[in-house]
Amino acid sequence: MSFDYCLSGARIKMDVERRPNQRTGDQTQGCEMSVILVTPDRYDTIRGTVQALRRQSVRQKMELVVVGPSKSNLGLIKSDFDGFYGYKVLELGDMTLASAQAAGIRAARAPIIAFTEDHCFPAEQWAEALIKRHEEPWAGVGPTMKNANPESTVSWANFIMKYGRWIQPLPKSPSGIIPGHNSSYKRDLLLQYGSELDGWLENETTMQWDLIARGHRFYVEPKAIAHHLNYSRFWISVWNRVNSGRVFAARRSHGWSRFLRAAYLLGLPLILVKGFVEIMPRARDLVGLSRSIRLLPCFFMLLLSHCLGEMIGCLAGAGPGPRKATANEFHRERFLNERDQRLARNVDQLIDGFQSH
């Protein structure tokens, strides 16, 4: 079934493949999780992630929502979606990652929304564990993360900086927030943001802080595991941290007075020091003392780059940051060293390797 509709002022084309409940004909009963999959171009970009989702123990309870700029150029392989509760395809035209995710949330049927990426591969129990934990009153439930390309020093530096608090063994003191781009939320809470949802999704950390301020809580589920391919080329990693820092600070400082912005800028050196104080013990716990010392120069440059981006975002706003962030989130092979590129070319073998450990 195909139809057009208008969502937040944008014209969207949507294909829907429905599998009604056999006993009641209810179009939503039995659909417990909608997974949002965003592609900037073709289905091939996200097919590896879909292959991982096909191995989920509860895929019959999962709806996949594919969002892309053009349905006609998508090249969807419909047989890949056999066994799922159903799927939807949204044609959004001009989009960012955040606007695509927001459109997917609004079009989804399930009470639980989950995000994943073209370079992140959930383990077989990922969905089942998240759905089970959502029976409790958590606003969002996140997975624990594993490094999918662990041979690279730059990969480990990026991975620990971005996901260190969610890598097993988990820290003794929980962070209170969950991983961005790879976690799950109760859909009705996200919809409460209305037309502002797109903006909040530009940086999930600030959105989670806002939900915490409203009295909501998050949970990290150890039984839900996601394997993440990380940047392993150094200078590309540096520029990516500048951009992510800019988007983060622009969202965080939205509505601040000049005084608050000035105080934030003066505090950036302390943020750099705080980052080191938090990261180094965590790195030592995860990769050992010797390797964590070898990671020091990389950590310093990535933290410094992020702080530079925060300064730009606080002074000049996000600018082209969200669109750059969207471009940087796809086709991860561009940001991998040659060894990791060879690893990523055979996704099925990569996923098989995850399942065997």
Foldseek 3Di string as FASTA:
>chain_A
DWDWDAALNFIKIKDWDADADPPPSDRQPLQAEEEEEEDAFEQVQQVLQLVLLVLAPSQQNYEYEYEYQDPVRHPDDVVSSPNHRIYMYMHGHDDFPLRSLVVSLVPDRHQKYWFAASFKHKHRHQVVQQSVVVVDQAQKEAEAEDELDPPALLQLLQCCLQRLCRHPVHDPDHPFDYHQRGIMGGSVVLCVCPSCSSLCNLDVVVVSVVVVVVPHTYYYGHVIYMHGYGQRAQPVLLQLLLLSLLSVLLSVCVPPDPVVLVVVLVCLVVVLVVSCVVRLVSCCVVPNDVSSVVSVVSNNSSSVSSSNSNNCNSVPNNVCSRRVNRVPRTPSLVRYDPVVVVVVVPSVVSSVVVNVD
